[in-house]
Each structure stands twice: as structure tokens, then as C-alpha cells.
Amino acid sequence: MRPDLRFVFAHPAHLLAFGFGSGLAPKAPGTVGTLLGLPLFLLIAAAAPDLPNRLVLFVAAFLLGIWACTRTGRALGVADHGGIVWDEIVAFALVLLFTPAGWLWTAAAFALFRLFDILKPWPIRLADRRLKNGFGVMFDDLLAAAYAIAALKGLQWLV
């Protein structure tokens, strides 16, 4: 099955999992979807005044993603369909929670997250292969976010 707008709008889980349609991008849907992490981060930052409350909202988005990605993967018959991008959106929003202010830092955060999400160094590749359904879809991107945050903190220390 090739998902389309009709599929995306057929259920709230599909709409969320497909990043409000960004996952339908014909090329690099994961990269396109990752861009929506910035508005999600801005929404979380506006809704929560401090890091602990922002992390609570992130956890809520992560848990919502497990449900949406599981339901959408089952409907498609593919647990981690390329159009499912909520995992990238939430993970990049998490990276931005720990990114210094400024467009250069934001661009570096984006590049580092995409690098680790695409290359999948250990243990990301292991998680990607072994963990299935919505949790697996979300978790490997959480690991890529952790790598990106660590790299950003290293860069921050060097600068």
C-alpha cells in the first residue's frame, strides 16, 4: 500500500505518525519530517517555562508517538514505513531542548541528528533491528537524539 493524503487523514494516528503530511514527501521524508521538530520544540518551550516541564511534554509526545506509530505501521503492514516521521519530529525537538540559542547551533543540531539517524551507529542499529512496533520506531530516534546532544555538548565545550 502506498499511503496518500486520504490515508493520512483517515485516522488521527496516521496524521500524527506522518507528521501532518510531511511524511508524504517524495524524497527524504525523514529529513522533511525532522524540520517539524522545530515548531514542536517552540510549542513545548512556549507551553512549559522550565526544563523539567518541557521534558514532561516531550515524554507525552514520545508516548503519543508509540501509539500513533504502532497503529499506523499496522495499517500499512510495515512497522517502520519511511513516511512515518513522528519519531524524527519528537527526537529533533528533544535535541533542540539542549541546543544553545542561535541559527548556527540549530543547523548544527539538525545536521548532527540527521547524521546519527541515517548512519545508525551502535547501539542505534541494534535497536532498529531488534525493537519493533511503535516503541522501536520511536526508540532508535531517541538514541540518535542522545548522540546528537552529546556531540553538540562536545562542540559547545570546544567553542
Protein backbone atom coordinates (compact mmCIF):
# COMPACT_ATOMS: atom_id res chain seq x y z
CA MET A 1 0.00 0.00 0.00
CA ARG A 2 1.28 3.44 -0.91
CA PRO A 3 -0.06 5.97 1.59
CA ASP A 4 -1.61 9.20 0.34
CA LEU A 5 -3.46 12.17 1.81
CA ARG A 6 -6.61 10.11 2.12
CA PHE A 7 -4.74 7.57 4.27
CA VAL A 8 -3.09 10.29 6.37
CA PHE A 9 -6.41 11.97 7.14
CA ALA A 10 -8.28 8.68 7.70
CA HIS A 11 -7.23 8.48 11.37
CA PRO A 12 -5.60 10.87 13.90
CA ALA A 13 -2.81 8.33 14.46
CA HIS A 14 -1.91 8.41 10.76
CA LEU A 15 -1.97 12.21 10.70
CA LEU A 16 0.41 12.35 13.65
CA ALA A 17 2.68 9.50 12.52
CA PHE A 18 3.01 11.05 9.06
CA GLY A 19 3.91 14.42 10.57
CA PHE A 20 0.73 16.14 9.37
CA GLY A 21 1.54 15.04 5.83
CA SER A 22 5.28 15.79 5.78
CA GLY A 23 5.97 12.06 5.63
CA LEU A 24 4.41 12.00 2.17
CA ALA A 25 7.38 13.96 0.76
CA PRO A 26 8.57 12.09 -2.35
CA LYS A 27 12.24 12.41 -1.38
CA ALA A 28 13.83 12.25 2.08
CA PRO A 29 10.60 12.22 4.14
CA GLY A 30 12.63 11.69 7.33
CA THR A 31 14.59 14.86 6.68
CA VAL A 32 11.45 16.80 5.78
CA GLY A 33 9.71 15.48 8.88
CA THR A 34 12.68 16.38 11.07
CA LEU A 35 12.11 20.03 10.16
CA LEU A 36 8.79 19.87 12.03
CA GLY A 37 10.76 19.23 15.21
CA LEU A 38 11.44 22.97 15.35
CA PRO A 39 7.77 24.03 15.61
CA LEU A 40 7.17 21.22 18.12
CA PHE A 41 10.11 22.48 20.19
CA LEU A 42 8.78 26.05 20.02
CA LEU A 43 5.34 24.85 21.10
CA ILE A 44 6.82 22.90 24.03
CA ALA A 45 9.02 25.86 25.00
CA ALA A 46 6.02 28.21 24.94
CA ALA A 47 3.84 25.83 26.95
CA ALA A 48 6.39 24.96 29.64
CA PRO A 49 8.57 27.51 31.41
CA ASP A 50 11.36 25.22 32.59
CA LEU A 51 13.30 22.12 31.56
CA PRO A 52 11.52 19.61 33.86
CA ASN A 53 8.10 20.59 32.50
CA ARG A 54 9.42 20.60 28.94
CA LEU A 55 10.71 17.07 29.48
CA VAL A 56 7.26 16.00 30.71
CA LEU A 57 5.76 17.32 27.45
CA PHE A 58 8.46 15.55 25.48
CA VAL A 59 7.66 12.26 27.25
CA ALA A 60 3.97 12.80 26.42
CA ALA A 61 4.87 13.36 22.73
CA PHE A 62 7.04 10.23 22.82
CA LEU A 63 4.25 8.10 24.33
CA LEU A 64 1.73 9.52 21.88
CA GLY A 65 4.18 8.58 19.14
CA ILE A 66 4.35 4.97 20.29
CA TRP A 67 0.58 4.73 19.90
CA ALA A 68 0.43 6.59 16.58
CA CYS A 69 3.37 4.75 15.01
CA THR A 70 2.10 1.34 16.15
CA ARG A 71 -1.37 1.97 14.78
CA THR A 72 -0.11 3.44 11.50
CA GLY A 73 2.50 0.72 11.00
CA ARG A 74 -0.15 -1.95 11.46
CA ALA A 75 -2.47 -0.23 8.99
CA LEU A 76 0.35 -0.11 6.42
CA GLY A 77 1.65 -3.60 7.17
CA VAL A 78 5.14 -2.13 7.74
CA ALA A 79 6.23 -1.31 11.29
CA ASP A 80 8.67 1.45 10.28
CA HIS A 81 7.38 2.78 6.98
CA GLY A 82 9.54 5.58 5.56
CA GLY A 83 6.62 8.00 5.73
CA ILE A 84 6.29 7.62 9.49
CA VAL A 85 8.20 10.67 10.70
CA TRP A 86 6.77 11.48 14.15
CA ASP A 87 9.83 9.73 15.58
CA GLU A 88 12.16 12.23 13.85
CA ILE A 89 9.96 15.17 14.84
CA VAL A 90 9.93 14.29 18.55
CA ALA A 91 13.61 13.29 18.66
CA PHE A 92 14.74 16.52 16.99
CA ALA A 93 12.56 18.55 19.36
CA LEU A 94 14.42 16.82 22.20
CA VAL A 95 17.78 17.73 20.65
CA LEU A 96 16.64 21.35 20.45
CA LEU A 97 15.81 21.32 24.17
CA PHE A 98 19.58 21.02 24.76
CA THR A 99 20.80 23.19 21.86
CA PRO A 100 22.24 26.65 22.53
CA ALA A 101 20.28 29.57 21.05
CA GLY A 102 21.12 30.67 17.52
CA TRP A 103 20.56 29.52 13.97
CA LEU A 104 24.08 28.17 13.61
CA TRP A 105 23.58 25.88 16.61
CA THR A 106 20.15 24.87 15.33
CA ALA A 107 21.63 24.00 11.93
CA ALA A 108 24.40 22.00 13.63
CA ALA A 109 21.80 20.20 15.75
CA PHE A 110 19.79 19.34 12.64
CA ALA A 111 22.85 18.08 10.75
CA LEU A 112 24.10 16.01 13.68
CA PHE A 113 20.70 14.46 14.36
CA ARG A 114 20.22 13.52 10.70
CA LEU A 115 23.77 12.13 10.56
CA PHE A 116 23.23 9.83 13.54
CA ASP A 117 19.71 8.89 12.42
CA ILE A 118 20.96 7.90 8.96
CA LEU A 119 24.26 6.22 9.93
CA LYS A 120 22.78 4.46 12.97
CA PRO A 121 25.99 3.81 14.93
CA TRP A 122 25.90 1.21 17.70
CA PRO A 123 23.55 0.74 19.58
CA ILE A 124 21.09 2.60 17.31
CA ARG A 125 21.34 -0.02 14.54
CA LEU A 126 20.86 -2.81 17.08
CA ALA A 127 17.73 -1.13 18.47
CA ASP A 128 16.45 -0.51 14.95
CA ARG A 129 16.79 -4.21 14.10
CA ARG A 130 15.51 -5.73 17.33
CA LEU A 131 12.80 -3.41 18.62
CA LYS A 132 9.58 -3.42 16.65
CA ASN A 133 6.25 -1.61 16.53
CA GLY A 134 5.80 1.92 17.76
CA PHE A 135 8.27 1.66 20.61
CA GLY A 136 11.06 0.52 18.30
CA VAL A 137 10.23 3.21 15.76
CA MET A 138 10.45 5.90 18.45
CA PHE A 139 13.37 4.47 20.46
CA ASP A 140 16.06 4.33 17.77
CA ASP A 141 15.48 8.03 17.07
CA LEU A 142 15.70 8.74 20.79
CA LEU A 143 19.17 7.16 20.71
CA ALA A 144 20.12 9.26 17.66
CA ALA A 145 18.98 12.32 19.63
CA ALA A 146 21.22 11.31 22.54
CA TYR A 147 24.22 11.05 20.18
CA ALA A 148 23.39 14.46 18.66
CA ILE A 149 23.05 16.06 22.11
CA ALA A 150 26.39 14.60 23.22
CA ALA A 151 28.08 15.86 20.04
CA LEU A 152 26.54 19.31 20.49
CA LYS A 153 27.74 19.47 24.08
CA GLY A 154 31.21 18.49 22.87
CA LEU A 155 31.13 21.25 20.24
CA GLN A 156 29.86 23.70 22.83
CA TRP A 157 32.77 22.80 25.10
CA LEU A 158 35.25 23.34 22.24
CA VAL A 159 33.83 26.72 21.26
